[in-house]
Amino acid sequence: MRDLRHTLLLYSATLLLVTMWSHPAQSATSEKQGKKEAPKPIVIHSTKLEADNKKKTVTFTGDVDAQMDNFSVFCDKIVVYYEEAPEKKGPEETATKIDKIVATGDVKIVRAEGGVATGKKAVYYQLDEKLVLTGNPVVKEKNNFVEGDRITLFLKEDRSVVESLQDKKVRAVIFPGQKKGQGFGRGK
């Protein structure tokens, strides 16, 4: 019974902590106002969920649809890697911290303010607020787009790096005169 309770608490905590993809836009507004907003919960739908306390992972598989405050993620599989923090919240609760989230299989990330990122794999690093797209990654904003072998989005810094790993080159198509700030940065 205690293992089931621990798994349910861990699962609930993991779902609440996964809101970090919505964190950048919230923090920019909150910092300007001097207030900290509570993280908003996300809703993840999948055909299967597996929590593995030994591996410290929660895996969502099968037609995954994750709805967050500023992002929607659609893919075949999401694996949340977490760490247990040393501080205790209660007699039977352990605090958890997200290390990274790996989305695989026809990944599509849609930002509420505009912009779509696609690829075969997306890895989000919680601490750095960094998203790395691989497997024919493309980031689009209206008619503009950029593609390469690896696209790294530094969300809290509002910058990105597009790399080509072989002899082929990075490709960008830009239509002058369109508004900026609606892609995957913080938005301005």
N, C-alpha and C. Protein backbone atom coordinates (compact mmCIF):
# COMPACT_ATOMS: atom_id res chain seq x y z
N MET A 1 0.83 -1.19 0.00
CA MET A 1 0.00 0.00 0.00
C MET A 1 0.87 1.25 0.00
N ARG A 2 1.95 1.22 0.77
CA ARG A 2 2.85 2.38 0.84
C ARG A 2 3.50 2.62 -0.52
N ASP A 3 3.89 1.53 -1.24
CA ASP A 3 4.48 1.68 -2.57
C ASP A 3 3.49 2.30 -3.54
N LEU A 4 2.24 1.90 -3.47
CA LEU A 4 1.21 2.47 -4.34
C LEU A 4 1.02 3.95 -4.02
N ARG A 5 0.98 4.29 -2.74
CA ARG A 5 0.82 5.69 -2.34
C ARG A 5 2.02 6.51 -2.80
N HIS A 6 3.24 5.96 -2.64
CA HIS A 6 4.46 6.65 -3.09
C HIS A 6 4.42 6.85 -4.60
N THR A 7 4.00 5.84 -5.35
CA THR A 7 3.91 5.95 -6.81
C THR A 7 2.90 7.01 -7.20
N LEU A 8 1.73 7.03 -6.55
CA LEU A 8 0.73 8.03 -6.87
C LEU A 8 1.21 9.43 -6.52
N LEU A 9 1.87 9.60 -5.39
CA LEU A 9 2.42 10.90 -5.02
C LEU A 9 3.49 11.32 -6.01
N LEU A 10 4.35 10.39 -6.39
CA LEU A 10 5.41 10.67 -7.34
C LEU A 10 4.82 11.07 -8.69
N TYR A 11 3.82 10.32 -9.13
CA TYR A 11 3.16 10.62 -10.39
C TYR A 11 2.54 12.02 -10.35
N SER A 12 1.83 12.35 -9.29
CA SER A 12 1.21 13.67 -9.16
C SER A 12 2.26 14.77 -9.14
N ALA A 13 3.32 14.56 -8.37
CA ALA A 13 4.39 15.55 -8.32
C ALA A 13 5.05 15.73 -9.67
N THR A 14 5.26 14.62 -10.38
CA THR A 14 5.88 14.69 -11.70
C THR A 14 5.01 15.49 -12.65
N LEU A 15 3.73 15.25 -12.65
CA LEU A 15 2.83 16.00 -13.53
C LEU A 15 2.88 17.49 -13.23
N LEU A 16 2.92 17.85 -11.98
CA LEU A 16 2.98 19.26 -11.63
C LEU A 16 4.32 19.88 -12.01
N LEU A 17 5.39 19.13 -11.90
CA LEU A 17 6.71 19.67 -12.21
C LEU A 17 6.98 19.76 -13.70
N VAL A 18 6.25 19.02 -14.51
CA VAL A 18 6.47 19.04 -15.95
C VAL A 18 6.06 20.39 -16.54
N THR A 19 5.45 21.24 -15.77
CA THR A 19 5.02 22.55 -16.26
C THR A 19 6.19 23.45 -16.65
N MET A 20 7.40 22.97 -16.52
CA MET A 20 8.54 23.82 -16.83
C MET A 20 8.55 24.29 -18.27
N TRP A 21 7.91 23.59 -19.19
CA TRP A 21 7.87 24.07 -20.57
C TRP A 21 7.08 25.35 -20.65
N SER A 22 6.18 25.57 -19.71
CA SER A 22 5.43 26.82 -19.72
C SER A 22 6.13 27.88 -18.88
N HIS A 23 7.17 27.54 -18.19
CA HIS A 23 7.85 28.44 -17.26
C HIS A 23 8.41 29.71 -17.87
N PRO A 24 9.09 29.70 -19.03
CA PRO A 24 9.72 30.91 -19.52
C PRO A 24 8.78 32.09 -19.68
N ALA A 25 7.65 31.92 -20.30
CA ALA A 25 6.74 33.04 -20.50
C ALA A 25 6.14 33.50 -19.18
N GLN A 26 5.85 32.59 -18.29
CA GLN A 26 5.29 32.95 -16.99
C GLN A 26 6.30 33.74 -16.19
N SER A 27 7.56 33.31 -16.19
CA SER A 27 8.54 33.96 -15.35
C SER A 27 8.83 35.38 -15.82
N ALA A 28 8.81 35.64 -17.12
CA ALA A 28 9.07 36.97 -17.62
C ALA A 28 7.99 37.94 -17.12
N THR A 29 6.75 37.55 -17.19
CA THR A 29 5.67 38.39 -16.72
C THR A 29 5.71 38.52 -15.21
N SER A 30 5.93 37.43 -14.52
CA SER A 30 5.93 37.43 -13.06
C SER A 30 7.06 38.26 -12.50
N GLU A 31 8.26 38.19 -13.11
CA GLU A 31 9.39 38.95 -12.60
C GLU A 31 9.16 40.44 -12.74
N LYS A 32 8.53 40.87 -13.84
CA LYS A 32 8.26 42.28 -14.05
C LYS A 32 7.27 42.79 -13.01
N GLN A 33 6.32 41.96 -12.63
CA GLN A 33 5.31 42.37 -11.67
C GLN A 33 5.77 42.12 -10.24
N GLY A 34 6.90 41.45 -10.06
CA GLY A 34 7.41 41.15 -8.73
C GLY A 34 6.65 40.04 -8.03
N LYS A 35 5.87 39.28 -8.77
CA LYS A 35 5.08 38.20 -8.18
C LYS A 35 5.52 36.88 -8.78
N LYS A 36 5.40 35.84 -8.00
CA LYS A 36 5.66 34.49 -8.51
C LYS A 36 4.33 33.77 -8.61
N GLU A 37 4.02 33.33 -9.84
CA GLU A 37 2.80 32.58 -10.05
C GLU A 37 3.05 31.11 -9.75
N ALA A 38 2.03 30.47 -9.22
CA ALA A 38 2.13 29.04 -8.98
C ALA A 38 2.17 28.33 -10.33
N PRO A 39 2.97 27.27 -10.45
CA PRO A 39 3.01 26.54 -11.72
C PRO A 39 1.62 25.99 -12.05
N LYS A 40 1.27 26.12 -13.33
CA LYS A 40 -0.03 25.60 -13.75
C LYS A 40 0.12 24.14 -14.12
N PRO A 41 -0.88 23.34 -13.79
CA PRO A 41 -0.78 21.91 -14.09
C PRO A 41 -0.90 21.66 -15.58
N ILE A 42 -0.44 20.50 -16.00
CA ILE A 42 -0.60 20.09 -17.39
C ILE A 42 -1.49 18.86 -17.42
N VAL A 43 -1.99 18.58 -18.59
CA VAL A 43 -2.81 17.38 -18.78
C VAL A 43 -2.14 16.56 -19.87
N ILE A 44 -1.83 15.32 -19.56
CA ILE A 44 -1.20 14.42 -20.53
C ILE A 44 -2.15 13.26 -20.78
N HIS A 45 -2.44 13.05 -22.06
CA HIS A 45 -3.23 11.90 -22.47
C HIS A 45 -2.31 10.94 -23.22
N SER A 46 -2.41 9.69 -22.92
CA SER A 46 -1.67 8.65 -23.64
C SER A 46 -2.41 7.34 -23.44
N THR A 47 -2.03 6.33 -24.22
CA THR A 47 -2.70 5.04 -24.06
C THR A 47 -2.10 4.24 -22.91
N LYS A 48 -0.88 4.62 -22.49
CA LYS A 48 -0.23 3.88 -21.39
C LYS A 48 0.67 4.80 -20.59
N LEU A 49 0.72 4.60 -19.29
CA LEU A 49 1.63 5.31 -18.40
C LEU A 49 2.35 4.28 -17.56
N GLU A 50 3.67 4.43 -17.45
CA GLU A 50 4.46 3.52 -16.61
C GLU A 50 5.41 4.34 -15.75
N ALA A 51 5.31 4.17 -14.43
CA ALA A 51 6.22 4.83 -13.50
C ALA A 51 7.21 3.79 -12.99
N ASP A 52 8.50 4.11 -13.09
CA ASP A 52 9.55 3.20 -12.65
C ASP A 52 10.40 3.92 -11.60
N ASN A 53 10.15 3.61 -10.33
CA ASN A 53 10.85 4.29 -9.24
C ASN A 53 12.33 3.97 -9.21
N LYS A 54 12.73 2.77 -9.63
CA LYS A 54 14.16 2.42 -9.63
C LYS A 54 14.92 3.22 -10.68
N LYS A 55 14.33 3.36 -11.87
CA LYS A 55 14.98 4.13 -12.94
C LYS A 55 14.70 5.62 -12.82
N LYS A 56 13.78 5.98 -11.92
CA LYS A 56 13.35 7.36 -11.74
C LYS A 56 12.83 7.97 -13.04
N THR A 57 11.87 7.24 -13.64
CA THR A 57 11.25 7.70 -14.88
C THR A 57 9.74 7.52 -14.82
N VAL A 58 9.05 8.37 -15.57
CA VAL A 58 7.63 8.20 -15.83
C VAL A 58 7.51 8.23 -17.35
N THR A 59 6.93 7.18 -17.94
CA THR A 59 6.86 7.03 -19.39
C THR A 59 5.41 7.05 -19.84
N PHE A 60 5.11 7.92 -20.81
CA PHE A 60 3.80 8.01 -21.43
C PHE A 60 3.97 7.50 -22.86
N THR A 61 3.20 6.51 -23.29
CA THR A 61 3.33 5.98 -24.64
C THR A 61 1.97 5.90 -25.32
N GLY A 62 2.00 5.97 -26.64
CA GLY A 62 0.80 5.81 -27.44
C GLY A 62 0.00 7.07 -27.62
N ASP A 63 0.15 7.72 -28.76
CA ASP A 63 -0.64 8.90 -29.11
C ASP A 63 -0.63 9.93 -27.99
N VAL A 64 0.57 10.36 -27.60
CA VAL A 64 0.74 11.27 -26.46
C VAL A 64 0.34 12.69 -26.85
N ASP A 65 -0.42 13.30 -25.98
CA ASP A 65 -0.91 14.67 -26.16
C ASP A 65 -0.74 15.36 -24.82
N ALA A 66 0.23 16.28 -24.73
CA ALA A 66 0.48 17.00 -23.48
C ALA A 66 0.07 18.45 -23.67
N GLN A 67 -0.91 18.90 -22.90
CA GLN A 67 -1.40 20.27 -22.97
C GLN A 67 -0.88 21.03 -21.76
N MET A 68 -0.11 22.08 -22.05
CA MET A 68 0.46 22.91 -21.01
C MET A 68 -0.01 24.35 -21.20
N ASP A 69 0.40 25.23 -20.32
CA ASP A 69 -0.03 26.62 -20.38
C ASP A 69 0.35 27.28 -21.70
N ASN A 70 1.61 27.18 -22.10
CA ASN A 70 2.09 27.86 -23.31
C ASN A 70 2.44 26.93 -24.45
N PHE A 71 2.39 25.63 -24.24
CA PHE A 71 2.79 24.67 -25.26
C PHE A 71 1.83 23.50 -25.31
N SER A 72 1.76 22.90 -26.49
CA SER A 72 1.12 21.61 -26.66
C SER A 72 2.15 20.71 -27.31
N VAL A 73 2.31 19.50 -26.80
CA VAL A 73 3.28 18.56 -27.35
C VAL A 73 2.52 17.32 -27.82
N PHE A 74 2.78 16.93 -29.06
CA PHE A 74 2.17 15.74 -29.63
C PHE A 74 3.30 14.83 -30.08
N CYS A 75 3.26 13.56 -29.69
CA CYS A 75 4.31 12.62 -30.07
C CYS A 75 3.87 11.19 -29.76
N ASP A 76 4.77 10.24 -30.01
CA ASP A 76 4.47 8.84 -29.73
C ASP A 76 4.82 8.46 -28.29
N LYS A 77 5.84 9.14 -27.72
CA LYS A 77 6.31 8.74 -26.39
C LYS A 77 6.98 9.92 -25.68
N ILE A 78 6.70 10.06 -24.39
CA ILE A 78 7.39 11.04 -23.53
C ILE A 78 7.92 10.29 -22.32
N VAL A 79 9.21 10.50 -22.03
CA VAL A 79 9.82 9.94 -20.83
C VAL A 79 10.29 11.11 -19.96
N VAL A 80 9.80 11.16 -18.73
CA VAL A 80 10.19 12.18 -17.77
C VAL A 80 11.23 11.55 -16.83
N TYR A 81 12.42 12.14 -16.78
CA TYR A 81 13.49 11.69 -15.89
C TYR A 81 13.51 12.64 -14.69
N TYR A 82 13.47 12.07 -13.50
CA TYR A 82 13.44 12.91 -12.31
C TYR A 82 14.49 12.47 -11.30
N GLU A 83 14.72 13.35 -10.35
CA GLU A 83 15.64 13.07 -9.24
C GLU A 83 14.88 13.32 -7.95
N GLU A 84 15.23 12.59 -6.92
CA GLU A 84 14.62 12.83 -5.62
C GLU A 84 15.47 13.85 -4.89
N ALA A 85 14.82 14.91 -4.42
CA ALA A 85 15.52 15.95 -3.67
C ALA A 85 15.66 15.49 -2.22
N PRO A 86 16.71 15.90 -1.54
CA PRO A 86 16.94 15.44 -0.17
C PRO A 86 15.93 15.94 0.85
N GLU A 87 15.29 17.10 0.61
CA GLU A 87 14.37 17.62 1.62
C GLU A 87 13.07 16.83 1.62
N LYS A 88 12.48 16.73 2.77
CA LYS A 88 11.22 16.01 2.93
C LYS A 88 10.09 17.02 3.04
N LYS A 89 8.97 16.69 2.42
CA LYS A 89 7.80 17.56 2.51
C LYS A 89 6.84 17.09 3.60
N GLY A 90 6.84 15.84 3.87
CA GLY A 90 5.95 15.28 4.87
C GLY A 90 6.51 13.95 5.32
N PRO A 91 5.82 13.24 6.22
CA PRO A 91 6.35 11.98 6.74
C PRO A 91 6.58 10.91 5.67
N GLU A 92 5.74 10.88 4.62
CA GLU A 92 5.90 9.84 3.60
C GLU A 92 6.15 10.41 2.21
N GLU A 93 6.32 11.72 2.10
CA GLU A 93 6.51 12.34 0.79
C GLU A 93 7.98 12.71 0.59
N THR A 94 8.43 12.53 -0.63
CA THR A 94 9.77 12.95 -1.01
C THR A 94 9.62 13.95 -2.15
N ALA A 95 10.34 15.07 -2.05
CA ALA A 95 10.28 16.06 -3.12
C ALA A 95 10.97 15.50 -4.36
N THR A 96 10.45 15.81 -5.53
CA THR A 96 11.07 15.37 -6.77
C THR A 96 11.41 16.58 -7.62
N LYS A 97 12.42 16.40 -8.46
CA LYS A 97 12.87 17.45 -9.34
C LYS A 97 13.07 16.85 -10.72
N ILE A 98 12.53 17.51 -11.74
CA ILE A 98 12.68 17.03 -13.11
C ILE A 98 14.10 17.29 -13.58
N ASP A 99 14.73 16.27 -14.17
CA ASP A 99 16.04 16.42 -14.78
C ASP A 99 15.86 16.78 -16.25
N LYS A 100 15.16 15.92 -16.98
CA LYS A 100 14.91 16.18 -18.40
C LYS A 100 13.66 15.45 -18.84
N ILE A 101 13.15 15.87 -19.99
CA ILE A 101 12.00 15.22 -20.60
C ILE A 101 12.39 14.91 -22.04
N VAL A 102 12.15 13.66 -22.45
CA VAL A 102 12.49 13.24 -23.81
C VAL A 102 11.21 12.84 -24.52
N ALA A 103 10.92 13.55 -25.62
CA ALA A 103 9.77 13.24 -26.46
C ALA A 103 10.29 12.64 -27.76
N THR A 104 9.72 11.51 -28.19
CA THR A 104 10.18 10.85 -29.41
C THR A 104 8.99 10.44 -30.28
N GLY A 105 9.29 10.24 -31.56
CA GLY A 105 8.29 9.75 -32.50
C GLY A 105 7.38 10.83 -33.03
N ASP A 106 7.74 11.41 -34.18
CA ASP A 106 6.94 12.46 -34.82
C ASP A 106 6.53 13.55 -33.84
N VAL A 107 7.53 14.18 -33.24
CA VAL A 107 7.31 15.21 -32.24
C VAL A 107 6.84 16.50 -32.91
N LYS A 108 5.78 17.06 -32.35
CA LYS A 108 5.29 18.36 -32.80
C LYS A 108 5.00 19.19 -31.56
N ILE A 109 5.64 20.35 -31.47
CA ILE A 109 5.45 21.25 -30.34
C ILE A 109 4.84 22.53 -30.88
N VAL A 110 3.67 22.88 -30.36
CA VAL A 110 2.96 24.06 -30.82
C VAL A 110 2.89 25.06 -29.67
N ARG A 111 3.39 26.26 -29.92
CA ARG A 111 3.37 27.30 -28.90
C ARG A 111 2.08 28.10 -29.02
N ALA A 112 1.46 28.43 -27.90
CA ALA A 112 0.19 29.14 -27.88
C ALA A 112 0.27 30.48 -28.61
N GLU A 113 1.39 31.20 -28.48
CA GLU A 113 1.57 32.51 -29.11
C GLU A 113 1.93 32.41 -30.59
N GLY A 114 2.11 31.21 -31.09
CA GLY A 114 2.49 31.01 -32.48
C GLY A 114 3.83 30.30 -32.56
N GLY A 115 4.06 29.61 -33.63
CA GLY A 115 5.31 28.89 -33.82
C GLY A 115 5.12 27.40 -33.60
N VAL A 116 5.75 26.63 -34.48
CA VAL A 116 5.68 25.17 -34.41
C VAL A 116 7.08 24.61 -34.58
N ALA A 117 7.43 23.64 -33.76
CA ALA A 117 8.71 22.94 -33.88
C ALA A 117 8.41 21.47 -34.10
N THR A 118 9.11 20.85 -35.05
CA THR A 118 8.90 19.43 -35.32
C THR A 118 10.25 18.72 -35.42
N GLY A 119 10.24 17.43 -35.21
CA GLY A 119 11.43 16.60 -35.32
C GLY A 119 11.10 15.19 -34.87
N LYS A 120 12.07 14.31 -34.97
CA LYS A 120 11.88 12.93 -34.50
C LYS A 120 12.07 12.83 -32.99
N LYS A 121 12.87 13.78 -32.43
CA LYS A 121 13.17 13.73 -31.00
C LYS A 121 13.35 15.14 -30.46
N ALA A 122 12.82 15.36 -29.25
CA ALA A 122 13.00 16.63 -28.55
C ALA A 122 13.39 16.32 -27.12
N VAL A 123 14.47 16.93 -26.65
CA VAL A 123 14.92 16.74 -25.27
C VAL A 123 14.89 18.10 -24.59
N TYR A 124 14.15 18.18 -23.48
CA TYR A 124 14.06 19.41 -22.70
C TYR A 124 14.87 19.22 -21.42
N TYR A 125 15.81 20.13 -21.19
CA TYR A 125 16.65 20.11 -19.99
C TYR A 125 16.11 21.17 -19.03
N GLN A 126 15.57 20.72 -17.93
CA GLN A 126 14.90 21.58 -16.95
C GLN A 126 15.81 22.69 -16.43
N LEU A 127 16.97 22.35 -15.94
CA LEU A 127 17.84 23.32 -15.28
C LEU A 127 18.23 24.45 -16.22
N ASP A 128 18.59 24.12 -17.44
CA ASP A 128 19.05 25.12 -18.41
C ASP A 128 17.91 25.74 -19.22
N GLU A 129 16.70 25.22 -19.08
CA GLU A 129 15.57 25.64 -19.90
C GLU A 129 15.97 25.62 -21.37
N LYS A 130 16.48 24.45 -21.77
CA LYS A 130 17.01 24.26 -23.12
C LYS A 130 16.25 23.12 -23.78
N LEU A 131 15.86 23.32 -25.05
CA LEU A 131 15.16 22.32 -25.83
C LEU A 131 16.01 21.99 -27.04
N VAL A 132 16.35 20.70 -27.22
CA VAL A 132 17.18 20.25 -28.33
C VAL A 132 16.34 19.36 -29.24
N LEU A 133 16.20 19.77 -30.49
CA LEU A 133 15.44 19.02 -31.49
C LEU A 133 16.39 18.35 -32.46
N THR A 134 16.16 17.05 -32.73
CA THR A 134 16.97 16.31 -33.70
C THR A 134 16.04 15.46 -34.57
N GLY A 135 16.62 14.85 -35.61
CA GLY A 135 15.82 14.02 -36.51
C GLY A 135 15.00 14.88 -37.46
N ASN A 136 15.68 15.55 -38.38
CA ASN A 136 15.04 16.45 -39.35
C ASN A 136 14.24 17.56 -38.66
N PRO A 137 14.86 18.29 -37.72
CA PRO A 137 14.12 19.31 -36.99
C PRO A 137 13.84 20.55 -37.85
N VAL A 138 12.67 21.11 -37.62
CA VAL A 138 12.26 22.34 -38.31
C VAL A 138 11.54 23.21 -37.28
N VAL A 139 11.86 24.51 -37.28
CA VAL A 139 11.12 25.46 -36.46
C VAL A 139 10.49 26.47 -37.42
N LYS A 140 9.17 26.64 -37.30
CA LYS A 140 8.42 27.52 -38.20
C LYS A 140 7.73 28.62 -37.40
N GLU A 141 7.69 29.79 -38.00
CA GLU A 141 6.93 30.92 -37.47
C GLU A 141 6.30 31.59 -38.67
N LYS A 142 5.00 31.51 -38.79
CA LYS A 142 4.29 31.98 -39.98
C LYS A 142 4.91 31.32 -41.20
N ASN A 143 5.36 32.10 -42.21
CA ASN A 143 5.98 31.53 -43.41
C ASN A 143 7.47 31.28 -43.25
N ASN A 144 8.08 31.82 -42.21
CA ASN A 144 9.51 31.68 -41.97
C ASN A 144 9.80 30.31 -41.36
N PHE A 145 10.95 29.75 -41.74
CA PHE A 145 11.35 28.51 -41.09
C PHE A 145 12.86 28.33 -41.17
N VAL A 146 13.35 27.48 -40.29
CA VAL A 146 14.76 27.13 -40.27
C VAL A 146 14.85 25.63 -40.04
N GLU A 147 15.84 24.99 -40.70
CA GLU A 147 16.03 23.56 -40.54
C GLU A 147 17.51 23.24 -40.57
N GLY A 148 17.88 22.16 -39.92
CA GLY A 148 19.26 21.69 -39.86
C GLY A 148 19.26 20.29 -39.30
N ASP A 149 20.42 19.86 -38.79
CA ASP A 149 20.50 18.54 -38.18
C ASP A 149 20.17 18.59 -36.69
N ARG A 150 20.45 19.73 -36.06
CA ARG A 150 20.15 19.91 -34.62
C ARG A 150 19.76 21.37 -34.40
N ILE A 151 18.64 21.56 -33.73
CA ILE A 151 18.21 22.91 -33.37
C ILE A 151 18.11 22.97 -31.86
N THR A 152 18.83 23.91 -31.27
CA THR A 152 18.82 24.09 -29.82
C THR A 152 18.16 25.42 -29.51
N LEU A 153 17.11 25.38 -28.70
CA LEU A 153 16.39 26.58 -28.30
C LEU A 153 16.70 26.84 -26.83
N PHE A 154 17.35 27.97 -26.55
CA PHE A 154 17.65 28.39 -25.19
C PHE A 154 16.50 29.30 -24.77
N LEU A 155 15.49 28.74 -24.13
CA LEU A 155 14.23 29.44 -23.88
C LEU A 155 14.38 30.66 -22.97
N LYS A 156 15.14 30.55 -21.89
CA LYS A 156 15.24 31.68 -20.97
C LYS A 156 16.13 32.78 -21.53
N GLU A 157 16.96 32.47 -22.52
CA GLU A 157 17.83 33.47 -23.13
C GLU A 157 17.25 34.03 -24.42
N ASP A 158 16.14 33.48 -24.89
CA ASP A 158 15.49 33.89 -26.13
C ASP A 158 16.47 33.85 -27.31
N ARG A 159 17.18 32.72 -27.45
CA ARG A 159 18.11 32.54 -28.56
C ARG A 159 18.09 31.10 -29.00
N SER A 160 18.58 30.87 -30.23
CA SER A 160 18.62 29.51 -30.74
C SER A 160 19.87 29.31 -31.57
N VAL A 161 20.25 28.04 -31.72
CA VAL A 161 21.42 27.66 -32.51
C VAL A 161 20.98 26.53 -33.43
N VAL A 162 21.24 26.69 -34.72
CA VAL A 162 20.90 25.66 -35.70
C VAL A 162 22.21 25.14 -36.26
N GLU A 163 22.39 23.81 -36.21
CA GLU A 163 23.66 23.21 -36.63
C GLU A 163 23.44 22.19 -37.73
N SER A 164 24.46 22.08 -38.58
CA SER A 164 24.52 21.02 -39.57
C SER A 164 25.67 20.12 -39.16
N LEU A 165 25.44 18.84 -39.11
CA LEU A 165 26.46 17.92 -38.60
C LEU A 165 27.30 17.27 -39.69
N GLN A 166 26.91 17.37 -40.93
CA GLN A 166 27.65 16.73 -42.02
C GLN A 166 28.07 17.79 -43.03
N ASP A 167 28.10 17.42 -44.30
CA ASP A 167 28.47 18.34 -45.37
C ASP A 167 27.31 19.23 -45.81
N LYS A 168 26.10 18.92 -45.39
CA LYS A 168 24.99 19.75 -45.81
C LYS A 168 24.92 21.00 -44.94
N LYS A 169 24.24 22.01 -45.43
CA LYS A 169 24.18 23.29 -44.74
C LYS A 169 22.83 23.50 -44.06
N VAL A 170 22.83 24.40 -43.10
CA VAL A 170 21.61 24.85 -42.45
C VAL A 170 20.81 25.61 -43.49
N ARG A 171 19.49 25.52 -43.41
CA ARG A 171 18.63 26.23 -44.36
C ARG A 171 17.63 27.09 -43.60
N ALA A 172 17.54 28.36 -44.00
CA ALA A 172 16.57 29.27 -43.41
C ALA A 172 15.82 29.98 -44.52
N VAL A 173 14.51 30.08 -44.40
CA VAL A 173 13.69 30.83 -45.33
C VAL A 173 13.01 31.92 -44.50
N ILE A 174 13.32 33.18 -44.87
CA ILE A 174 12.84 34.32 -44.09
C ILE A 174 12.09 35.28 -45.01
N PHE A 175 10.90 35.64 -44.63
CA PHE A 175 10.11 36.61 -45.37
C PHE A 175 10.22 37.94 -44.65
N PRO A 176 10.93 38.92 -45.24
CA PRO A 176 11.10 40.23 -44.59
C PRO A 176 9.76 40.91 -44.34
N GLY A 177 9.72 41.70 -43.27
CA GLY A 177 8.53 42.48 -42.98
C GLY A 177 7.54 41.81 -42.05
N GLN A 178 7.77 40.56 -41.65
CA GLN A 178 6.85 39.91 -40.71
C GLN A 178 7.30 40.19 -39.29
N LYS A 179 6.33 40.28 -38.39
CA LYS A 179 6.63 40.55 -36.98
C LYS A 179 7.46 39.44 -36.37
N LYS A 180 8.38 39.83 -35.48
CA LYS A 180 9.17 38.86 -34.73
C LYS A 180 8.50 38.59 -33.39
N GLY A 181 9.06 37.62 -32.65
CA GLY A 181 8.63 37.42 -31.26
C GLY A 181 7.48 36.45 -31.10
N GLN A 182 7.14 35.68 -32.14
CA GLN A 182 6.05 34.75 -32.00
C GLN A 182 6.51 33.33 -32.19
N GLY A 183 7.81 33.12 -32.24
CA GLY A 183 8.35 31.77 -32.41
C GLY A 183 8.50 31.10 -31.07
N PHE A 184 9.68 30.54 -30.81
CA PHE A 184 9.87 29.77 -29.60
C PHE A 184 10.66 30.49 -28.53
N GLY A 185 10.92 31.77 -28.68
CA GLY A 185 11.56 32.54 -27.60
C GLY A 185 10.50 32.92 -26.61
N ARG A 186 10.78 33.90 -25.79
CA ARG A 186 9.83 34.36 -24.79
C ARG A 186 8.69 35.16 -25.41
N GLY A 187 8.89 35.68 -26.59
CA GLY A 187 7.87 36.51 -27.21
C GLY A 187 7.94 37.91 -26.64
N LYS A 188 7.86 38.88 -27.48
CA LYS A 188 8.00 40.25 -27.00
C LYS A 188 6.85 41.09 -27.47
